[in-house]
Amino acid sequence: MLAAQRRELILEQVRRTGAVRVTDLVERLGVSDMTVRRDLDALESRGELRKVHGGAVAPAGASTEEPGFEAKSTLQVAEKHAIAREVARLVEPGSAIGLSAGTTPSIIAEYLRDVPGLTVVTNSLRVADVFHRSARTDQTVALTGGFRTPSDALVGPIALRSVHDLHLDLLLLGVHGMHERAGFTTPNLMEAEMNRALVEASRSLIVAADHTKWGTVGISTMAPLDRCDVLVSDAGLEAAAREVLAEHVGELVIAEAAGGGAEDEERTGR
């Protein structure tokens, strides 16, 4: 297959799903890892995609651009699992918790099935399904209603009313982006409104965000950095970002991906 043909196939998949993984492309195209990476370099130089760790995504667009759940679920998988394991350790048995929508929260839900006595409030169809499929009977999931977003979140007036009188011990929040001045953001205005309501209803806030979220700014802020009690990210988070975050969040936890050792997480805080 000619290089031009390979690159057109890569672009076709990026346009269709929003993201590609190097390992998948090696298998699909029958070429080496280095050949795929050269193709991605060439496509990035033309502005047709953006390289990320382990693959590539569609080029960054406006602050309202929001990839679908399936596209985001292929990115930073190992990092998201490391983050989810660490977040689950921070949740006390018997807590009433909120869990937002997104790919990282849906992975966190898998790990929370081992925490006894939880009451889980979520506006995520994916999160609700995780607990619905669980054999456990001591967990309550209150699924709020409303309109569905690309992240499979339910938002809107009905969802907001259902959160209004809640008092949660803890909110586990996934984010689209985090920035020193903009705080934790999302590209969806209605999802931002819903998440702000969940933040307001919660005594403590844990944000789960892999390193690619740093520097990304969506159109709407859900919470400032200093509202976050614990931020859990991964080892790919650059040193400058760690310094900024450690000054603003209550505690910064760096979770190691599989192979790094479960006890190797790094903690800093203000």
Protein backbone atom coordinates (compact mmCIF):
# COMPACT_ATOMS: atom_id res chain seq x y z
CA MET A 1 0.00 0.00 0.00
CA LEU A 2 1.33 3.43 -0.91
CA ALA A 3 1.94 6.02 1.81
CA ALA A 4 -0.79 8.25 0.39
CA GLN A 5 -3.29 5.39 0.60
CA ARG A 6 -2.34 4.60 4.20
CA ARG A 7 -2.68 8.21 5.24
CA GLU A 8 -6.07 8.53 3.59
CA LEU A 9 -7.26 5.46 5.52
CA ILE A 10 -5.92 6.94 8.74
CA LEU A 11 -7.72 10.23 8.09
CA GLU A 12 -10.91 8.41 7.24
CA GLN A 13 -10.87 6.70 10.63
CA VAL A 14 -10.05 9.94 12.46
CA ARG A 15 -12.98 11.67 10.75
CA ARG A 16 -15.30 8.77 11.56
CA THR A 17 -14.36 8.08 15.19
CA GLY A 18 -12.39 11.15 16.26
CA ALA A 19 -9.26 9.18 17.19
CA VAL A 20 -6.86 6.40 16.19
CA ARG A 21 -4.42 4.21 18.13
CA VAL A 22 -0.96 3.32 16.79
CA THR A 23 -1.33 -0.35 17.79
CA ASP A 24 -4.63 -0.64 15.93
CA LEU A 25 -3.20 0.98 12.82
CA VAL A 26 -0.16 -1.34 12.82
CA GLU A 27 -2.48 -4.34 12.80
CA ARG A 28 -4.95 -2.92 10.29
CA LEU A 29 -2.39 -1.59 7.81
CA GLY A 30 0.16 -4.37 8.17
CA VAL A 31 3.11 -2.01 8.62
CA SER A 32 5.60 -1.28 11.38
CA ASP A 33 5.08 0.97 14.38
CA MET A 34 7.64 3.42 12.96
CA THR A 35 5.85 3.60 9.60
CA VAL A 36 2.57 4.46 11.32
CA ARG A 37 4.28 7.14 13.43
CA ARG A 38 5.85 8.68 10.30
CA ASP A 39 2.42 8.78 8.70
CA LEU A 40 0.99 10.50 11.77
CA ASP A 41 3.87 12.99 11.76
CA ALA A 42 3.16 13.82 8.12
CA LEU A 43 -0.56 14.25 8.72
CA GLU A 44 0.05 16.40 11.78
CA SER A 45 2.42 18.64 9.83
CA ARG A 46 -0.45 19.29 7.41
CA GLY A 47 -2.81 20.11 10.26
CA GLU A 48 -5.08 17.16 9.52
CA LEU A 49 -4.79 15.52 12.95
CA ARG A 50 -3.10 16.01 16.32
CA LYS A 51 -0.74 13.42 17.76
CA VAL A 52 -1.30 12.29 21.35
CA HIS A 53 0.35 9.59 23.45
CA GLY A 54 -0.32 6.27 21.73
CA GLY A 55 -2.17 7.65 18.72
CA ALA A 56 -3.81 10.72 17.26
CA VAL A 57 -7.05 12.68 17.45
CA ALA A 58 -8.89 15.11 15.24
CA PRO A 59 -7.26 18.57 15.19
CA ALA A 60 -8.21 20.88 18.02
CA GLY A 61 -11.21 22.99 17.14
CA ALA A 62 -13.39 25.57 18.85
CA SER A 63 -14.02 25.61 22.57
CA THR A 64 -17.42 24.02 21.90
CA GLU A 65 -16.02 21.04 19.98
CA GLU A 66 -16.90 17.80 21.79
CA PRO A 67 -15.79 14.34 20.57
CA GLY A 68 -18.23 11.50 21.16
CA PHE A 69 -17.86 8.93 23.93
CA GLU A 70 -16.60 6.19 21.60
CA ALA A 71 -13.84 8.40 20.20
CA LYS A 72 -12.63 9.44 23.64
CA SER A 73 -12.77 5.89 25.03
CA THR A 74 -9.82 4.85 22.82
CA LEU A 75 -7.47 7.48 24.26
CA GLN A 76 -5.11 7.21 27.29
CA VAL A 77 -6.71 3.92 28.35
CA ALA A 78 -3.88 2.77 30.64
CA GLU A 79 -3.66 6.20 32.26
CA LYS A 80 -7.41 6.32 32.86
CA HIS A 81 -7.34 2.92 34.55
CA ALA A 82 -4.47 4.03 36.79
CA ILE A 83 -6.41 7.17 37.71
CA ALA A 84 -9.58 5.17 38.35
CA ARG A 85 -7.81 2.75 40.69
CA GLU A 86 -6.43 5.62 42.72
CA VAL A 87 -9.76 7.45 42.86
CA ALA A 88 -11.54 4.31 44.07
CA ARG A 89 -9.11 4.12 47.01
CA LEU A 90 -10.25 7.57 48.11
CA VAL A 91 -13.93 6.65 48.35
CA GLU A 92 -15.13 5.60 51.81
CA PRO A 93 -17.61 2.70 52.18
CA GLY A 94 -21.15 3.89 52.84
CA SER A 95 -20.64 7.27 51.16
CA ALA A 96 -23.17 9.17 49.10
CA ILE A 97 -21.25 10.14 45.98
CA GLY A 98 -21.85 11.90 42.69
CA LEU A 99 -20.20 10.58 39.53
CA SER A 100 -20.21 12.71 36.38
CA ALA A 101 -20.32 11.58 32.76
CA GLY A 102 -17.27 10.82 30.64
CA THR A 103 -14.90 8.02 29.76
CA THR A 104 -12.77 8.30 32.91
CA PRO A 105 -15.80 8.31 35.27
CA SER A 106 -17.18 5.24 33.49
CA ILE A 107 -13.91 3.41 34.24
CA ILE A 108 -13.97 4.67 37.84
CA ALA A 109 -17.43 3.11 38.18
CA GLU A 110 -15.94 -0.31 37.39
CA TYR A 111 -13.54 0.00 40.33
CA LEU A 112 -16.21 1.37 42.67
CA ARG A 113 -18.17 -1.87 42.44
CA ASP A 114 -15.80 -3.21 45.12
CA VAL A 115 -16.62 -0.40 47.58
CA PRO A 116 -19.49 -1.49 49.87
CA GLY A 117 -22.59 0.47 50.76
CA LEU A 118 -22.36 3.28 48.23
CA THR A 119 -25.20 5.51 47.16
CA VAL A 120 -24.30 6.74 43.68
CA VAL A 121 -25.93 9.71 41.98
CA THR A 122 -25.05 10.06 38.32
CA ASN A 123 -26.31 11.69 35.14
CA SER A 124 -24.24 9.26 33.04
CA LEU A 125 -25.94 6.47 31.13
CA ARG A 126 -22.63 4.60 30.97
CA VAL A 127 -21.98 4.84 34.71
CA ALA A 128 -25.51 3.77 35.54
CA ASP A 129 -25.12 0.73 33.29
CA VAL A 130 -21.96 -0.36 35.13
CA PHE A 131 -23.83 -0.52 38.43
CA HIS A 132 -26.93 -1.98 36.81
CA ARG A 133 -24.84 -4.92 35.55
CA SER A 134 -23.27 -5.46 38.98
CA ALA A 135 -24.49 -8.38 41.09
CA ARG A 136 -24.32 -6.18 44.18
CA THR A 137 -27.56 -5.17 45.88
CA ASP A 138 -26.27 -2.60 48.40
CA GLN A 139 -25.68 0.23 45.94
CA THR A 140 -28.28 2.80 45.00
CA VAL A 141 -27.95 4.61 41.69
CA ALA A 142 -30.12 7.66 41.16
CA LEU A 143 -30.04 8.39 37.41
CA THR A 144 -31.10 11.95 36.71
CA GLY A 145 -33.17 12.65 33.60
CA GLY A 146 -32.95 15.09 30.71
CA PHE A 147 -31.33 15.59 27.32
CA ARG A 148 -28.44 13.41 26.14
CA THR A 149 -25.02 14.93 25.24
CA PRO A 150 -22.15 13.46 23.14
CA SER A 151 -20.61 12.26 26.44
CA ASP A 152 -23.81 10.28 27.15
CA ALA A 153 -24.69 12.68 29.95
CA LEU A 154 -28.27 13.57 30.80
CA VAL A 155 -28.70 17.32 31.22
CA GLY A 156 -31.37 19.98 31.21
CA PRO A 157 -34.08 21.36 33.55
CA ILE A 158 -35.33 17.94 34.75
CA ALA A 159 -31.80 16.80 35.58
CA LEU A 160 -31.05 20.06 37.40
CA ARG A 161 -34.21 19.84 39.51
CA SER A 162 -33.30 16.30 40.58
CA VAL A 163 -29.94 17.50 41.96
CA HIS A 164 -31.26 20.64 43.65
CA ASP A 165 -31.99 19.14 47.10
CA LEU A 166 -29.16 16.59 47.24
CA HIS A 167 -26.34 16.61 49.80
CA LEU A 168 -23.44 14.46 48.65
CA ASP A 169 -20.33 13.49 50.59
CA LEU A 170 -18.18 13.51 47.49
CA LEU A 171 -18.26 14.29 43.77
CA LEU A 172 -16.00 12.45 41.33
CA LEU A 173 -15.74 14.74 38.32
CA GLY A 174 -14.34 14.05 34.87
CA VAL A 175 -13.35 17.11 32.84
CA HIS A 176 -12.69 18.10 29.24
CA GLY A 177 -9.91 20.50 30.15
CA MET A 178 -8.04 22.15 33.02
CA HIS A 179 -6.28 25.50 32.93
CA GLU A 180 -4.76 27.82 35.53
CA ARG A 181 -7.17 30.68 34.83
CA ALA A 182 -10.18 28.91 33.28
CA GLY A 183 -10.25 26.09 35.85
CA PHE A 184 -12.03 22.83 35.01
CA THR A 185 -13.99 23.20 31.79
CA THR A 186 -16.31 21.47 29.33
CA PRO A 187 -17.31 22.26 25.73
CA ASN A 188 -21.00 21.65 26.50
CA LEU A 189 -22.93 24.49 28.15
CA MET A 190 -25.75 22.30 29.49
CA GLU A 191 -23.33 19.72 30.85
CA ALA A 192 -21.40 22.51 32.57
CA GLU A 193 -24.58 23.72 34.25
CA MET A 194 -25.33 20.19 35.46
CA ASN A 195 -21.82 19.62 36.78
CA ARG A 196 -21.81 22.97 38.58
CA ALA A 197 -24.98 21.85 40.36
CA LEU A 198 -23.28 18.59 41.37
CA VAL A 199 -20.25 20.51 42.64
CA GLU A 200 -22.53 22.76 44.69
CA ALA A 201 -24.30 19.72 46.17
CA SER A 202 -21.04 18.04 47.25
CA ARG A 203 -18.98 18.53 50.38
CA SER A 204 -15.75 17.39 48.70
CA LEU A 205 -14.56 17.31 45.09
CA ILE A 206 -12.19 14.84 43.44
CA VAL A 207 -11.29 15.60 39.83
CA ALA A 208 -10.02 12.77 37.62
CA ALA A 209 -8.11 14.11 34.60
CA ASP A 210 -5.35 12.55 32.52
CA HIS A 211 -2.37 14.65 31.45
CA THR A 212 -3.79 15.54 28.02
CA LYS A 213 -6.47 17.66 29.69
CA TRP A 214 -3.92 20.24 30.89
CA GLY A 215 -4.04 23.43 28.81
CA THR A 216 -7.34 22.52 27.13
CA VAL A 217 -10.11 25.07 27.62
CA GLY A 218 -13.77 24.36 26.89
CA ILE A 219 -16.36 27.08 26.57
CA SER A 220 -17.68 26.83 30.13
CA THR A 221 -16.05 26.51 33.56
CA MET A 222 -17.48 23.92 35.97
CA ALA A 223 -15.26 24.82 38.93
CA PRO A 224 -12.09 26.81 39.63
CA LEU A 225 -8.93 24.85 40.39
CA ASP A 226 -8.98 25.81 44.07
CA ARG A 227 -12.42 24.20 44.54
CA CYS A 228 -10.80 20.81 43.98
CA ASP A 229 -9.83 18.89 47.12
CA VAL A 230 -7.94 16.14 45.27
CA LEU A 231 -6.85 16.03 41.64
CA VAL A 232 -5.81 12.62 40.33
CA SER A 233 -3.78 12.62 37.11
CA ASP A 234 -1.09 10.42 35.55
CA ALA A 235 2.69 10.39 35.13
CA GLY A 236 2.47 12.10 31.74
CA LEU A 237 1.54 15.39 33.42
CA GLU A 238 4.40 17.81 32.74
CA ALA A 239 6.42 19.33 35.57
CA ALA A 240 5.21 22.90 34.95
CA ALA A 241 1.59 21.77 35.13
CA ARG A 242 2.26 19.89 38.36
CA GLU A 243 3.71 23.02 39.94
CA VAL A 244 0.70 25.12 39.00
CA LEU A 245 -1.81 22.51 40.12
CA ALA A 246 -0.03 21.84 43.42
CA GLU A 247 -0.39 25.54 44.22
CA HIS A 248 -4.14 25.55 43.59
CA VAL A 249 -5.72 22.17 44.38
CA GLY A 250 -5.85 20.71 47.86
CA GLU A 251 -3.80 17.65 46.87
CA LEU A 252 -2.32 16.45 43.59
CA VAL A 253 -2.04 12.68 43.17
CA ILE A 254 -0.03 11.21 40.28
CA ALA A 255 -1.15 7.65 39.56
CA GLU A 256 1.21 5.21 37.84
CA ALA A 257 -0.09 3.17 34.92
CA ALA A 258 0.11 -0.63 35.04
CA GLY A 259 3.71 -1.75 35.55
CA GLY A 260 4.62 1.34 37.56
CA GLY A 261 3.57 -0.24 40.83
CA ALA A 262 0.35 0.42 42.70
CA GLU A 263 2.23 1.97 45.60
CA ASP A 264 4.22 4.43 43.47
CA GLU A 265 1.71 7.25 43.31
CA GLU A 266 3.06 10.72 44.01
CA ARG A 267 1.22 13.19 46.19
CA THR A 268 1.72 16.93 46.51
CA GLY A 269 -0.54 19.71 47.71
CA ARG A 270 -0.85 23.27 48.79
